[in-house]
Amino acid sequence: MGYVVDGQELECDAEGYLKEADLRDETCRVIADAEGIELTDAHWAVIRFLRERFQEDGHSPNFRNLLKGMQEHDAAIDSKALYDLFPVGPAKQGAKIAGLPQPYGKGGY
């Protein structure tokens, strides 16, 4: 299964994660649609954070680091809020929708 963005098919693994990161916003919209998620400003804040961490560290953060990083921007964010946004799992589903490769281990490092 691949995603088609601007007429280009993006290569995915068996679970639907991109094999190579694609940081275009349109890619997020296509993957979110496939996941049944309508993106809000709160989703985009998480997506931006995941992309920044990926670009700085070469991988996406695990759930604990995602939560901690998001709380630095907004102290009101808690694990329930993140799961409300990405019910399959904020670190994994968030990375998928952000256009990132599948996180390491149990939700990244």
C-alpha atoms as a PDB file:
ATOM      1  CA  MET A   1       0.000   0.000   0.000  1.00  0.00           C
ATOM      2  CA  GLY A   2       1.314   3.398  -0.892  1.00  0.00           C
ATOM      3  CA  TYR A   3       0.051   6.941  -0.659  1.00  0.00           C
ATOM      4  CA  VAL A   4      -0.291   9.152  -3.708  1.00  0.00           C
ATOM      5  CA  VAL A   5       0.680  12.774  -3.085  1.00  0.00           C
ATOM      6  CA  ASP A   6       0.701  15.272  -5.931  1.00  0.00           C
ATOM      7  CA  GLY A   7       0.649  12.402  -8.427  1.00  0.00           C
ATOM      8  CA  GLN A   8       3.652  10.683  -6.839  1.00  0.00           C
ATOM      9  CA  GLU A   9       3.292   7.300  -5.119  1.00  0.00           C
ATOM     10  CA  LEU A  10       5.234   7.154  -1.868  1.00  0.00           C
ATOM     11  CA  GLU A  11       6.765   3.838  -0.858  1.00  0.00           C
ATOM     12  CA  CYS A  12       5.468   2.396   2.412  1.00  0.00           C
ATOM     13  CA  ASP A  13       6.163  -0.599   4.605  1.00  0.00           C
ATOM     14  CA  ALA A  14       3.546  -3.262   5.352  1.00  0.00           C
ATOM     15  CA  GLU A  15       2.054  -1.154   8.176  1.00  0.00           C
ATOM     16  CA  GLY A  16       1.651   1.983   6.065  1.00  0.00           C
ATOM     17  CA  TYR A  17       4.656   3.952   7.336  1.00  0.00           C
ATOM     18  CA  LEU A  18       6.692   5.799   4.742  1.00  0.00           C
ATOM     19  CA  LYS A  19      10.056   4.197   4.047  1.00  0.00           C
ATOM     20  CA  GLU A  20      11.565   7.665   3.557  1.00  0.00           C
ATOM     21  CA  ALA A  21      10.395  10.765   5.410  1.00  0.00           C
ATOM     22  CA  ASP A  22       8.243  13.188   3.428  1.00  0.00           C
ATOM     23  CA  LEU A  23       7.691  16.453   5.267  1.00  0.00           C
ATOM     24  CA  ARG A  24       5.154  18.038   2.922  1.00  0.00           C
ATOM     25  CA  ASP A  25       1.932  19.092   4.604  1.00  0.00           C
ATOM     26  CA  GLU A  26      -0.070  17.504   1.791  1.00  0.00           C
ATOM     27  CA  THR A  27       1.486  14.148   2.726  1.00  0.00           C
ATOM     28  CA  CYS A  28       0.092  14.545   6.259  1.00  0.00           C
ATOM     29  CA  ARG A  29      -3.346  15.292   4.889  1.00  0.00           C
ATOM     30  CA  VAL A  30      -3.335  12.203   2.650  1.00  0.00           C
ATOM     31  CA  ILE A  31      -2.145   9.861   5.431  1.00  0.00           C
ATOM     32  CA  ALA A  32      -4.508  11.385   8.009  1.00  0.00           C
ATOM     33  CA  ASP A  33      -7.399  10.866   5.610  1.00  0.00           C
ATOM     34  CA  ALA A  34      -6.385   7.211   5.192  1.00  0.00           C
ATOM     35  CA  GLU A  35      -6.267   6.907   9.006  1.00  0.00           C
ATOM     36  CA  GLY A  36      -9.706   8.503   9.364  1.00  0.00           C
ATOM     37  CA  ILE A  37      -8.394  11.564  11.212  1.00  0.00           C
ATOM     38  CA  GLU A  38      -9.413  15.129  10.467  1.00  0.00           C
ATOM     39  CA  LEU A  39      -6.415  17.325  11.266  1.00  0.00           C
ATOM     40  CA  THR A  40      -6.881  20.204  13.701  1.00  0.00           C
ATOM     41  CA  ASP A  41      -4.451  22.827  14.987  1.00  0.00           C
ATOM     42  CA  ALA A  42      -3.698  20.509  17.912  1.00  0.00           C
ATOM     43  CA  HIS A  43      -2.745  17.714  15.499  1.00  0.00           C
ATOM     44  CA  TRP A  44      -0.485  20.081  13.573  1.00  0.00           C
ATOM     45  CA  ALA A  45       1.302  21.119  16.794  1.00  0.00           C
ATOM     46  CA  VAL A  46       2.159  17.463  17.482  1.00  0.00           C
ATOM     47  CA  ILE A  47       3.145  16.886  13.841  1.00  0.00           C
ATOM     48  CA  ARG A  48       5.496  19.893  13.899  1.00  0.00           C
ATOM     49  CA  PHE A  49       7.083  18.658  17.138  1.00  0.00           C
ATOM     50  CA  LEU A  50       7.572  15.130  15.756  1.00  0.00           C
ATOM     51  CA  ARG A  51       9.117  16.485  12.561  1.00  0.00           C
ATOM     52  CA  GLU A  52      11.485  18.776  14.490  1.00  0.00           C
ATOM     53  CA  ARG A  53      12.653  15.910  16.698  1.00  0.00           C
ATOM     54  CA  PHE A  54      13.088  13.683  13.642  1.00  0.00           C
ATOM     55  CA  GLN A  55      15.184  16.303  11.879  1.00  0.00           C
ATOM     56  CA  GLU A  56      17.322  16.928  14.976  1.00  0.00           C
ATOM     57  CA  ASP A  57      17.718  13.340  16.198  1.00  0.00           C
ATOM     58  CA  GLY A  58      17.267  11.237  13.066  1.00  0.00           C
ATOM     59  CA  HIS A  59      14.291   9.399  14.605  1.00  0.00           C
ATOM     60  CA  SER A  60      10.981  10.256  16.193  1.00  0.00           C
ATOM     61  CA  PRO A  61      10.566  10.396  19.985  1.00  0.00           C
ATOM     62  CA  ASN A  62       8.924   7.725  22.102  1.00  0.00           C
ATOM     63  CA  PHE A  63       5.687   8.528  23.894  1.00  0.00           C
ATOM     64  CA  ARG A  64       7.335   9.726  27.107  1.00  0.00           C
ATOM     65  CA  ASN A  65       9.572  12.179  25.242  1.00  0.00           C
ATOM     66  CA  LEU A  66       6.686  13.291  23.025  1.00  0.00           C
ATOM     67  CA  LEU A  67       4.551  14.053  26.079  1.00  0.00           C
ATOM     68  CA  LYS A  68       7.392  15.846  27.869  1.00  0.00           C
ATOM     69  CA  GLY A  69       8.245  17.905  24.787  1.00  0.00           C
ATOM     70  CA  MET A  70       4.635  18.867  24.151  1.00  0.00           C
ATOM     71  CA  GLN A  71       4.174  19.870  27.797  1.00  0.00           C
ATOM     72  CA  GLU A  72       7.082  22.304  27.440  1.00  0.00           C
ATOM     73  CA  HIS A  73       4.981  24.136  24.824  1.00  0.00           C
ATOM     74  CA  ASP A  74       1.631  23.692  26.588  1.00  0.00           C
ATOM     75  CA  ALA A  75       1.497  22.544  30.217  1.00  0.00           C
ATOM     76  CA  ALA A  76      -2.173  21.586  29.814  1.00  0.00           C
ATOM     77  CA  ILE A  77      -1.340  18.728  27.436  1.00  0.00           C
ATOM     78  CA  ASP A  78      -1.518  15.312  29.038  1.00  0.00           C
ATOM     79  CA  SER A  79      -1.472  11.742  27.787  1.00  0.00           C
ATOM     80  CA  LYS A  80      -5.269  11.656  27.396  1.00  0.00           C
ATOM     81  CA  ALA A  81      -5.178  14.714  25.138  1.00  0.00           C
ATOM     82  CA  LEU A  82      -2.547  13.075  22.929  1.00  0.00           C
ATOM     83  CA  TYR A  83      -4.522   9.826  22.732  1.00  0.00           C
ATOM     84  CA  ASP A  84      -7.643  11.809  21.849  1.00  0.00           C
ATOM     85  CA  LEU A  85      -5.715  13.192  18.865  1.00  0.00           C
ATOM     86  CA  PHE A  86      -4.020   9.937  17.838  1.00  0.00           C
ATOM     87  CA  PRO A  87      -6.067   7.039  19.282  1.00  0.00           C
ATOM     88  CA  VAL A  88      -3.887   4.252  17.862  1.00  0.00           C
ATOM     89  CA  GLY A  89      -0.914   5.702  19.748  1.00  0.00           C
ATOM     90  CA  PRO A  90       0.429   9.260  19.708  1.00  0.00           C
ATOM     91  CA  ALA A  91       4.076   8.380  19.064  1.00  0.00           C
ATOM     92  CA  LYS A  92       3.435   5.769  16.365  1.00  0.00           C
ATOM     93  CA  GLN A  93       0.300   7.067  14.646  1.00  0.00           C
ATOM     94  CA  GLY A  94       1.527  10.631  15.031  1.00  0.00           C
ATOM     95  CA  ALA A  95       4.809   9.733  13.297  1.00  0.00           C
ATOM     96  CA  LYS A  96       2.925   7.954  10.512  1.00  0.00           C
ATOM     97  CA  ILE A  97       0.691  10.958   9.853  1.00  0.00           C
ATOM     98  CA  ALA A  98       3.672  13.325  10.127  1.00  0.00           C
ATOM     99  CA  GLY A  99       5.157  11.521   7.110  1.00  0.00           C
ATOM    100  CA  LEU A 100       7.963   9.855   9.064  1.00  0.00           C
ATOM    101  CA  PRO A 101       9.299   6.301   8.885  1.00  0.00           C
ATOM    102  CA  GLN A 102       8.104   3.783  11.477  1.00  0.00           C
ATOM    103  CA  PRO A 103       9.520   4.597  14.931  1.00  0.00           C
ATOM    104  CA  TYR A 104      11.977   2.252  16.586  1.00  0.00           C
ATOM    105  CA  GLY A 105      10.794  -0.290  19.156  1.00  0.00           C
ATOM    106  CA  LYS A 106       7.749   0.673  21.155  1.00  0.00           C
ATOM    107  CA  GLY A 107       7.051   4.116  19.736  1.00  0.00           C
ATOM    108  CA  GLY A 108      10.524   5.500  19.050  1.00  0.00           C
ATOM    109  CA  TYR A 109      13.464   6.573  21.156  1.00  0.00           C
END
